[in-house]
N, C-alpha and C. Protein backbone atom coordinates (compact mmCIF):
# COMPACT_ATOMS: atom_id res chain seq x y z
N MET A 1 0.81 -1.19 0.00
CA MET A 1 0.00 0.00 0.00
C MET A 1 0.86 1.26 0.00
N ARG A 2 2.00 1.21 0.69
CA ARG A 2 2.87 2.39 0.70
C ARG A 2 3.46 2.64 -0.68
N GLY A 3 3.63 1.56 -1.44
CA GLY A 3 4.17 1.70 -2.79
C GLY A 3 3.26 2.52 -3.67
N PHE A 4 1.93 2.30 -3.54
CA PHE A 4 0.98 3.07 -4.34
C PHE A 4 1.02 4.56 -3.95
N GLY A 5 1.15 4.83 -2.67
CA GLY A 5 1.22 6.22 -2.22
C GLY A 5 2.46 6.91 -2.74
N LEU A 6 3.58 6.19 -2.72
CA LEU A 6 4.84 6.75 -3.22
C LEU A 6 4.78 6.97 -4.72
N ILE A 7 4.20 6.01 -5.44
CA ILE A 7 4.07 6.16 -6.89
C ILE A 7 3.16 7.35 -7.21
N GLY A 8 2.07 7.51 -6.47
CA GLY A 8 1.17 8.64 -6.69
C GLY A 8 1.84 9.97 -6.43
N LEU A 9 2.65 10.01 -5.37
CA LEU A 9 3.37 11.24 -5.04
C LEU A 9 4.37 11.60 -6.13
N VAL A 10 5.12 10.62 -6.60
CA VAL A 10 6.11 10.87 -7.66
C VAL A 10 5.40 11.30 -8.94
N LEU A 11 4.29 10.65 -9.26
CA LEU A 11 3.54 11.01 -10.45
C LEU A 11 3.02 12.44 -10.36
N ALA A 12 2.51 12.84 -9.20
CA ALA A 12 2.02 14.21 -9.02
C ALA A 12 3.16 15.22 -9.16
N LEU A 13 4.33 14.89 -8.63
CA LEU A 13 5.48 15.81 -8.76
C LEU A 13 5.92 15.94 -10.21
N VAL A 14 5.89 14.84 -10.95
CA VAL A 14 6.29 14.88 -12.36
C VAL A 14 5.31 15.75 -13.15
N ILE A 15 4.02 15.57 -12.91
CA ILE A 15 3.01 16.37 -13.62
C ILE A 15 3.16 17.85 -13.27
N ALA A 16 3.35 18.16 -11.99
CA ALA A 16 3.52 19.56 -11.58
C ALA A 16 4.78 20.15 -12.21
N GLY A 17 5.84 19.38 -12.30
CA GLY A 17 7.08 19.86 -12.93
C GLY A 17 6.88 20.14 -14.41
N LEU A 18 6.16 19.26 -15.10
CA LEU A 18 5.92 19.47 -16.53
C LEU A 18 5.06 20.71 -16.77
N VAL A 19 4.06 20.92 -15.94
CA VAL A 19 3.20 22.11 -16.09
C VAL A 19 4.01 23.38 -15.82
N ALA A 20 4.84 23.36 -14.78
CA ALA A 20 5.66 24.52 -14.46
C ALA A 20 6.64 24.82 -15.59
N LYS A 21 7.24 23.79 -16.16
CA LYS A 21 8.19 23.98 -17.25
C LYS A 21 7.49 24.57 -18.47
N LYS A 22 6.28 24.09 -18.76
CA LYS A 22 5.54 24.60 -19.91
C LYS A 22 5.18 26.07 -19.71
N GLN A 23 4.79 26.45 -18.51
CA GLN A 23 4.44 27.84 -18.24
C GLN A 23 5.67 28.74 -18.30
N MET A 24 6.79 28.26 -17.81
CA MET A 24 8.01 29.07 -17.83
C MET A 24 8.48 29.30 -19.26
N THR A 25 8.38 28.29 -20.12
CA THR A 25 8.82 28.48 -21.50
C THR A 25 7.87 29.41 -22.25
N SER A 26 6.58 29.36 -21.95
CA SER A 26 5.65 30.26 -22.63
C SER A 26 5.83 31.69 -22.12
N MET A 27 6.17 31.87 -20.84
CA MET A 27 6.42 33.21 -20.31
C MET A 27 7.69 33.80 -20.91
N ALA A 28 8.70 33.00 -21.10
CA ALA A 28 9.98 33.50 -21.61
C ALA A 28 9.84 33.96 -23.05
N SER A 29 9.00 33.30 -23.84
CA SER A 29 8.88 33.66 -25.24
C SER A 29 7.99 34.89 -25.45
N SER A 30 7.11 35.20 -24.48
CA SER A 30 6.21 36.33 -24.67
C SER A 30 6.42 37.42 -23.63
N SER A 31 7.60 37.50 -23.07
CA SER A 31 7.83 38.49 -22.02
C SER A 31 8.11 39.86 -22.64
N ARG A 32 7.69 40.88 -21.92
CA ARG A 32 7.94 42.25 -22.34
C ARG A 32 9.19 42.75 -21.62
N PRO A 33 9.84 43.76 -22.17
CA PRO A 33 11.00 44.30 -21.48
C PRO A 33 10.58 44.97 -20.16
N ALA A 34 11.35 44.71 -19.11
CA ALA A 34 11.02 45.25 -17.79
C ALA A 34 11.70 46.59 -17.54
N VAL A 35 12.55 47.02 -18.46
CA VAL A 35 13.30 48.26 -18.28
C VAL A 35 12.50 49.42 -18.86
N PRO A 36 12.25 50.45 -18.06
CA PRO A 36 11.53 51.62 -18.60
C PRO A 36 12.33 52.28 -19.71
N GLY A 37 11.63 52.72 -20.74
CA GLY A 37 12.29 53.39 -21.84
C GLY A 37 12.67 52.48 -22.98
N VAL A 38 12.53 51.18 -22.79
CA VAL A 38 12.85 50.23 -23.85
C VAL A 38 11.60 50.03 -24.67
N ALA A 39 11.73 50.05 -25.98
CA ALA A 39 10.59 49.93 -26.87
C ALA A 39 9.96 48.54 -26.75
N ALA A 40 8.64 48.49 -26.92
CA ALA A 40 7.92 47.22 -26.90
C ALA A 40 8.21 46.47 -28.19
N PRO A 41 8.06 45.16 -28.21
CA PRO A 41 8.28 44.39 -29.43
C PRO A 41 7.35 44.85 -30.54
N ALA A 42 7.77 44.65 -31.78
CA ALA A 42 6.98 45.08 -32.93
C ALA A 42 5.63 44.39 -32.93
N GLY A 43 4.59 45.12 -33.32
CA GLY A 43 3.26 44.55 -33.41
C GLY A 43 2.42 44.75 -32.16
N GLU A 44 2.99 45.28 -31.10
CA GLU A 44 2.24 45.53 -29.88
C GLU A 44 2.12 47.03 -29.65
N ALA A 45 0.90 47.49 -29.40
CA ALA A 45 0.67 48.91 -29.17
C ALA A 45 1.05 49.26 -27.74
N PRO A 46 1.66 50.41 -27.51
CA PRO A 46 1.99 50.81 -26.14
C PRO A 46 0.71 51.11 -25.35
N VAL A 47 0.76 50.87 -24.07
CA VAL A 47 -0.41 51.10 -23.21
C VAL A 47 -0.35 52.52 -22.69
N ASN A 48 -1.44 53.23 -22.87
CA ASN A 48 -1.53 54.60 -22.42
C ASN A 48 -2.22 54.61 -21.06
N ALA A 49 -1.73 55.41 -20.13
CA ALA A 49 -2.29 55.46 -18.78
C ALA A 49 -3.75 55.92 -18.81
N GLN A 50 -4.08 56.83 -19.71
CA GLN A 50 -5.47 57.28 -19.81
C GLN A 50 -6.38 56.17 -20.30
N GLN A 51 -5.90 55.35 -21.21
CA GLN A 51 -6.70 54.22 -21.69
C GLN A 51 -6.99 53.25 -20.55
N VAL A 52 -5.99 53.00 -19.74
CA VAL A 52 -6.17 52.08 -18.62
C VAL A 52 -7.19 52.65 -17.64
N GLN A 53 -7.10 53.94 -17.35
CA GLN A 53 -8.05 54.57 -16.44
C GLN A 53 -9.47 54.51 -16.99
N GLN A 54 -9.64 54.71 -18.28
CA GLN A 54 -10.96 54.65 -18.88
C GLN A 54 -11.52 53.23 -18.81
N GLN A 55 -10.68 52.24 -19.02
CA GLN A 55 -11.14 50.86 -18.96
C GLN A 55 -11.57 50.49 -17.55
N VAL A 56 -10.84 50.98 -16.56
CA VAL A 56 -11.19 50.69 -15.18
C VAL A 56 -12.51 51.36 -14.82
N LYS A 57 -12.70 52.59 -15.26
CA LYS A 57 -13.95 53.31 -14.97
C LYS A 57 -15.14 52.67 -15.68
N ALA A 58 -14.93 52.11 -16.86
CA ALA A 58 -16.02 51.54 -17.64
C ALA A 58 -16.46 50.17 -17.14
N ARG A 59 -15.66 49.54 -16.29
CA ARG A 59 -16.02 48.20 -15.80
C ARG A 59 -17.27 48.27 -14.93
N GLN A 60 -18.09 47.25 -15.05
CA GLN A 60 -19.26 47.13 -14.21
C GLN A 60 -18.85 46.52 -12.87
N MET A 61 -19.18 47.19 -11.81
CA MET A 61 -18.86 46.68 -10.49
C MET A 61 -20.03 45.86 -9.97
N PRO A 62 -19.79 44.69 -9.40
CA PRO A 62 -20.89 43.86 -8.89
C PRO A 62 -21.52 44.49 -7.65
N ASP A 63 -22.79 44.22 -7.47
CA ASP A 63 -23.48 44.69 -6.27
C ASP A 63 -23.01 43.90 -5.07
N ASP A 64 -23.04 44.52 -3.91
CA ASP A 64 -22.60 43.87 -2.68
C ASP A 64 -23.75 43.15 -1.96
N ASN A 65 -24.79 42.80 -2.70
CA ASN A 65 -25.94 42.13 -2.10
C ASN A 65 -25.67 40.69 -1.85
């Protein structure tokens, strides 16, 4: 019975490792520059602070009922 528990634990760790690796590789390929003043990659529009504020104001807030 302990063998099944150990096999299950190892299997869960392997699956978690594969998911983490997949997410890390997808993040690395689509990351934006973290340094201010560096241009964004081609094809992406820069985010304007006023646009962000308008989007936040336009969101529907749920009722607290």
